[in-house]
Amino acid sequence: MNGTTRSDIKPGMAVNIVLKQDQKSGKLTEGIVKDLLTSAPKHHRGIKVRLEDGAIGRVQEILDFLD
């Protein structure tokens, strides 16, 4: 899963996000989802989330799947 569909992402999941300042380099930041910030069901660049450490970015990879 690549993080472009909101229904695939839930709080507590481990994900890799790209921070705004890292968009050009593509550097990923790993963390646990705290809040989903994108209200649309899909976003072509990734669903925007807030991680538990406060970092905000768009999901590039889902690392942990919840049932």
Protein backbone atom coordinates (compact mmCIF):
# COMPACT_ATOMS: atom_id res chain seq x y z
CA MET A 1 0.00 0.00 0.00
CA ASN A 2 1.32 3.39 -0.92
CA GLY A 3 -0.56 5.81 1.36
CA THR A 4 -2.78 7.55 -1.20
CA THR A 5 -6.07 6.10 0.10
CA ARG A 6 -7.38 7.48 3.41
CA SER A 7 -9.24 4.28 4.38
CA ASP A 8 -5.93 2.34 4.35
CA ILE A 9 -4.44 4.52 7.10
CA LYS A 10 -5.46 4.36 10.77
CA PRO A 11 -4.07 5.95 13.95
CA GLY A 12 -1.45 3.70 15.54
CA MET A 13 -0.03 2.45 12.23
CA ALA A 14 3.68 2.70 11.44
CA VAL A 15 4.31 4.70 8.26
CA ASN A 16 7.00 6.52 6.32
CA ILE A 17 6.13 10.13 5.51
CA VAL A 18 7.82 12.86 3.52
CA LEU A 19 8.03 16.17 5.37
CA LYS A 20 7.39 19.41 3.44
CA GLN A 21 11.06 20.42 3.66
CA ASP A 22 12.14 16.97 2.40
CA GLN A 23 9.89 16.81 -0.67
CA LYS A 24 12.70 17.67 -3.11
CA SER A 25 15.17 15.19 -1.64
CA GLY A 26 12.56 12.49 -0.99
CA LYS A 27 13.94 11.78 2.50
CA LEU A 28 11.46 9.69 4.49
CA THR A 29 10.62 9.96 8.19
CA GLU A 30 9.29 6.92 10.04
CA GLY A 31 6.70 7.23 12.78
CA ILE A 32 3.34 6.25 14.24
CA VAL A 33 0.17 7.95 12.95
CA LYS A 34 -1.61 10.09 15.54
CA ASP A 35 -4.11 12.02 13.34
CA LEU A 36 -5.25 12.00 9.72
CA LEU A 37 -5.27 15.55 8.36
CA THR A 38 -6.50 14.95 4.79
CA SER A 39 -10.29 14.72 4.65
CA ALA A 40 -10.51 13.59 1.00
CA PRO A 41 -10.80 9.81 0.42
CA LYS A 42 -7.74 9.85 -1.89
CA HIS A 43 -4.80 12.16 -2.56
CA HIS A 44 -2.34 11.54 -5.38
CA ARG A 45 0.72 12.69 -3.36
CA GLY A 46 -0.26 10.83 -0.18
CA ILE A 47 -2.61 11.34 2.75
CA LYS A 48 -1.38 14.06 5.12
CA VAL A 49 -0.95 12.86 8.71
CA ARG A 50 0.43 14.01 12.06
CA LEU A 51 2.77 11.54 13.73
CA GLU A 52 2.89 10.94 17.49
CA ASP A 53 6.07 13.07 17.68
CA GLY A 54 4.23 16.01 16.05
CA ALA A 55 5.80 15.74 12.57
CA ILE A 56 3.37 16.43 9.70
CA GLY A 57 3.78 15.02 6.21
CA ARG A 58 2.31 12.89 3.46
CA VAL A 59 2.30 9.10 3.74
CA GLN A 60 4.61 7.44 1.22
CA GLU A 61 4.63 3.90 2.64
CA ILE A 62 2.54 1.96 5.12
CA LEU A 63 4.85 -0.22 7.22
CA ASP A 64 2.38 -1.80 9.64
CA PHE A 65 -1.05 -3.20 8.72
CA LEU A 66 -3.89 -3.25 11.25
CA ASP A 67 -6.75 -5.75 10.96
